[in-house]
Amino acid sequence: MESIRKHFANFLKYRSEVLSVQGLEDEHGFKLPPVYKSFITQFEGVFGDVYMDSQEELQTLTYYEYYSEEGENLFFEDFLPVDNIFKYQSNSDSWVEHGVAPITEHSHGGTILLGIKENNLDKLYFEYERGLVLIEENIYSFLRNLKFTFEYSESKEKLYKKWGEDFWRVKE
């Protein structure tokens, strides 16, 4: 495993098309907070990759680490697409009760949550077994504390992509 500190924002993918969030907000009955909304209208995610192993299973190639003040490290692979933030917000009674919505995905559980109610707008939380823990005041302070990590056992020379695929494969 190899970690490198990326310069702020150089791992973000800029949007190639204009994003209008208004329709999703109207459809799902809540508005995204202003700082996060400014972020998602400019950026569509973070650079990261997965690869298909020899058993045709997707494996994490890169992910992001965030270290909390308590010293625990949090992992995620990518930000959720904007429409999924709205769709998944009601998947947990705890999320509805606390006024938060998931904004990241990780295949091994845990997620980073965005405050969407008046009393917690733009605040970011992580859901542990012991409950929600505040980790940052907004998405930009969160991004400043990320490390980009490569996690793979295969040699880089064995990785390739087929035309049109968005994941890597391992040459046999």
Protein backbone atom coordinates (compact mmCIF):
# COMPACT_ATOMS: atom_id res chain seq x y z
CA MET A 1 0.00 0.00 0.00
CA GLU A 2 1.33 3.41 -0.96
CA SER A 3 -0.09 6.75 0.25
CA ILE A 4 0.66 10.12 -1.26
CA ARG A 5 -0.54 13.54 -0.24
CA LYS A 6 -2.20 15.16 -3.24
CA HIS A 7 -2.19 18.91 -3.66
CA PHE A 8 -5.58 20.32 -2.74
CA ALA A 9 -8.21 19.68 -5.43
CA ASN A 10 -5.94 18.16 -8.08
CA PHE A 11 -7.73 14.81 -7.66
CA LEU A 12 -11.17 16.25 -8.42
CA LYS A 13 -12.93 15.67 -11.74
CA TYR A 14 -14.47 18.84 -13.12
CA ARG A 15 -17.95 18.52 -14.60
CA SER A 16 -18.10 18.48 -18.36
CA GLU A 17 -21.78 19.52 -18.37
CA VAL A 18 -23.86 21.91 -16.29
CA LEU A 19 -25.62 20.23 -13.38
CA SER A 20 -29.07 21.39 -12.31
CA VAL A 21 -29.97 20.13 -8.85
CA GLN A 22 -33.32 21.96 -8.60
CA GLY A 23 -35.39 19.14 -10.16
CA LEU A 24 -33.95 16.52 -7.79
CA GLU A 25 -34.52 18.79 -4.80
CA ASP A 26 -38.15 19.34 -5.81
CA GLU A 27 -38.71 15.62 -6.48
CA HIS A 28 -37.26 14.43 -3.15
CA GLY A 29 -38.45 17.24 -0.89
CA PHE A 30 -35.18 18.56 0.50
CA LYS A 31 -32.49 20.96 -0.60
CA LEU A 32 -28.79 20.34 -0.53
CA PRO A 33 -26.82 22.78 1.64
CA PRO A 34 -25.13 25.72 -0.13
CA VAL A 35 -21.45 24.79 0.24
CA TYR A 36 -22.00 21.21 -0.90
CA LYS A 37 -24.22 22.38 -3.74
CA SER A 38 -21.46 24.70 -4.96
CA PHE A 39 -19.05 21.75 -4.81
CA ILE A 40 -21.20 19.34 -6.84
CA THR A 41 -22.05 21.91 -9.49
CA GLN A 42 -18.31 22.25 -10.20
CA PHE A 43 -17.03 18.71 -9.59
CA GLU A 44 -18.45 15.30 -10.41
CA GLY A 45 -16.21 13.17 -8.25
CA VAL A 46 -12.68 12.17 -7.49
CA PHE A 47 -10.16 10.27 -9.57
CA GLY A 48 -10.00 6.66 -8.46
CA ASP A 49 -9.96 3.23 -10.04
CA VAL A 50 -11.01 -0.37 -9.58
CA TYR A 51 -9.76 -3.46 -11.37
CA MET A 52 -11.27 -6.81 -12.35
CA ASP A 53 -9.32 -9.66 -10.79
CA SER A 54 -8.80 -13.11 -12.32
CA GLN A 55 -12.08 -14.31 -10.73
CA GLU A 56 -13.96 -11.47 -12.50
CA GLU A 57 -14.52 -9.66 -9.18
CA LEU A 58 -14.08 -5.88 -8.91
CA GLN A 59 -11.31 -4.92 -6.50
CA THR A 60 -10.27 -1.52 -5.18
CA LEU A 61 -7.18 -0.10 -6.88
CA THR A 62 -7.28 3.39 -5.41
CA TYR A 63 -9.22 4.93 -2.59
CA TYR A 64 -9.16 7.94 -0.31
CA GLU A 65 -8.25 8.04 3.35
CA TYR A 66 -9.38 10.65 5.82
CA TYR A 67 -7.90 10.70 9.32
CA SER A 68 -10.27 11.86 12.04
CA GLU A 69 -9.12 13.82 15.08
CA GLU A 70 -9.52 10.63 17.11
CA GLY A 71 -6.89 9.00 14.88
CA GLU A 72 -9.30 6.66 13.14
CA ASN A 73 -8.94 6.51 9.40
CA LEU A 74 -11.99 6.53 7.15
CA PHE A 75 -11.94 5.13 3.63
CA PHE A 76 -14.07 5.75 0.59
CA GLU A 77 -13.76 5.00 -3.10
CA ASP A 78 -15.80 7.76 -4.69
CA PHE A 79 -18.54 10.28 -4.18
CA LEU A 80 -22.08 9.10 -4.87
CA PRO A 81 -23.74 10.46 -8.00
CA VAL A 82 -25.95 13.38 -6.99
CA ASP A 83 -29.25 11.60 -7.69
CA ASN A 84 -28.22 8.73 -5.38
CA ILE A 85 -27.76 11.16 -2.48
CA PHE A 86 -31.46 11.91 -2.73
CA LYS A 87 -32.50 8.29 -3.36
CA TYR A 88 -30.54 6.78 -0.47
CA GLN A 89 -31.21 9.45 2.18
CA SER A 90 -34.25 7.56 3.47
CA ASN A 91 -32.51 4.14 3.51
CA SER A 92 -31.76 4.48 7.21
CA ASP A 93 -34.11 5.67 9.95
CA SER A 94 -31.05 7.11 11.70
CA TRP A 95 -30.19 9.20 8.62
CA VAL A 96 -33.72 10.59 8.43
CA GLU A 97 -33.81 11.25 12.19
CA HIS A 98 -30.45 13.07 12.18
CA GLY A 99 -31.06 14.93 8.92
CA VAL A 100 -28.12 13.51 7.00
CA ALA A 101 -27.64 12.00 3.54
CA PRO A 102 -24.84 9.73 2.25
CA ILE A 103 -22.33 11.33 -0.12
CA THR A 104 -19.65 8.62 -0.52
CA GLU A 105 -19.54 4.94 -1.23
CA HIS A 106 -17.31 2.20 0.04
CA SER A 107 -17.76 -1.47 -0.73
CA HIS A 108 -16.80 -2.54 2.80
CA GLY A 109 -19.37 -0.47 4.70
CA GLY A 110 -19.40 2.88 6.38
CA THR A 111 -20.18 6.12 4.66
CA ILE A 112 -19.64 9.83 4.94
CA LEU A 113 -22.85 11.75 5.51
CA LEU A 114 -23.85 15.32 4.75
CA GLY A 115 -25.98 17.42 7.10
CA ILE A 116 -29.12 18.61 5.27
CA LYS A 117 -31.18 20.15 8.10
CA GLU A 118 -31.07 23.72 9.35
CA ASN A 119 -29.09 22.77 12.50
CA ASN A 120 -26.36 20.83 10.64
CA LEU A 121 -26.18 22.26 7.11
CA ASP A 122 -23.00 21.30 5.26
CA LYS A 123 -21.46 19.46 8.24
CA LEU A 124 -19.93 16.06 7.44
CA TYR A 125 -20.34 12.97 9.62
CA PHE A 126 -19.12 9.40 9.60
CA GLU A 127 -21.36 6.61 10.81
CA TYR A 128 -19.58 4.24 13.17
CA GLU A 129 -21.02 1.31 15.09
CA ARG A 130 -21.44 3.77 17.96
CA GLY A 131 -23.37 6.26 15.82
CA LEU A 132 -22.78 9.46 13.90
CA VAL A 133 -19.59 11.39 14.55
CA LEU A 134 -18.99 14.92 13.26
CA ILE A 135 -15.78 14.98 11.22
CA GLU A 136 -15.73 18.33 9.35
CA GLU A 137 -17.62 21.59 8.98
CA ASN A 138 -17.94 21.30 5.17
CA ILE A 139 -16.81 19.40 2.09
CA TYR A 140 -13.83 21.66 1.36
CA SER A 141 -12.25 21.24 4.81
CA PHE A 142 -12.81 17.49 4.40
CA LEU A 143 -11.01 17.46 1.03
CA ARG A 144 -7.97 19.21 2.50
CA ASN A 145 -7.43 16.25 4.83
CA LEU A 146 -7.53 13.42 2.29
CA LYS A 147 -4.74 11.08 1.25
CA PHE A 148 -4.89 9.23 -2.05
CA THR A 149 -3.92 5.56 -1.61
CA PHE A 150 -3.03 2.78 -4.05
CA GLU A 151 -4.06 -0.68 -2.86
CA TYR A 152 -3.11 -3.53 -5.16
CA SER A 153 -1.08 -6.67 -5.17
CA GLU A 154 -0.85 -6.95 -8.95
CA SER A 155 2.03 -5.35 -10.81
CA LYS A 156 1.16 -2.09 -12.61
CA GLU A 157 2.46 -3.63 -15.84
CA LYS A 158 -0.29 -6.27 -15.70
CA LEU A 159 -3.16 -3.73 -15.62
CA TYR A 160 -5.04 -2.73 -18.79
CA LYS A 161 -8.44 -1.34 -19.87
CA LYS A 162 -10.59 -2.43 -22.79
CA TRP A 163 -11.95 0.30 -25.02
CA GLY A 164 -14.94 1.98 -23.33
CA GLU A 165 -14.49 0.32 -19.92
CA ASP A 166 -14.07 2.42 -16.80
CA PHE A 167 -12.20 -0.21 -14.79
CA TRP A 168 -8.85 -1.98 -15.10
CA ARG A 169 -8.27 -5.66 -15.81
CA VAL A 170 -5.29 -7.88 -14.92
CA LYS A 171 -3.43 -9.64 -17.75
CA GLU A 172 -3.06 -13.35 -17.14
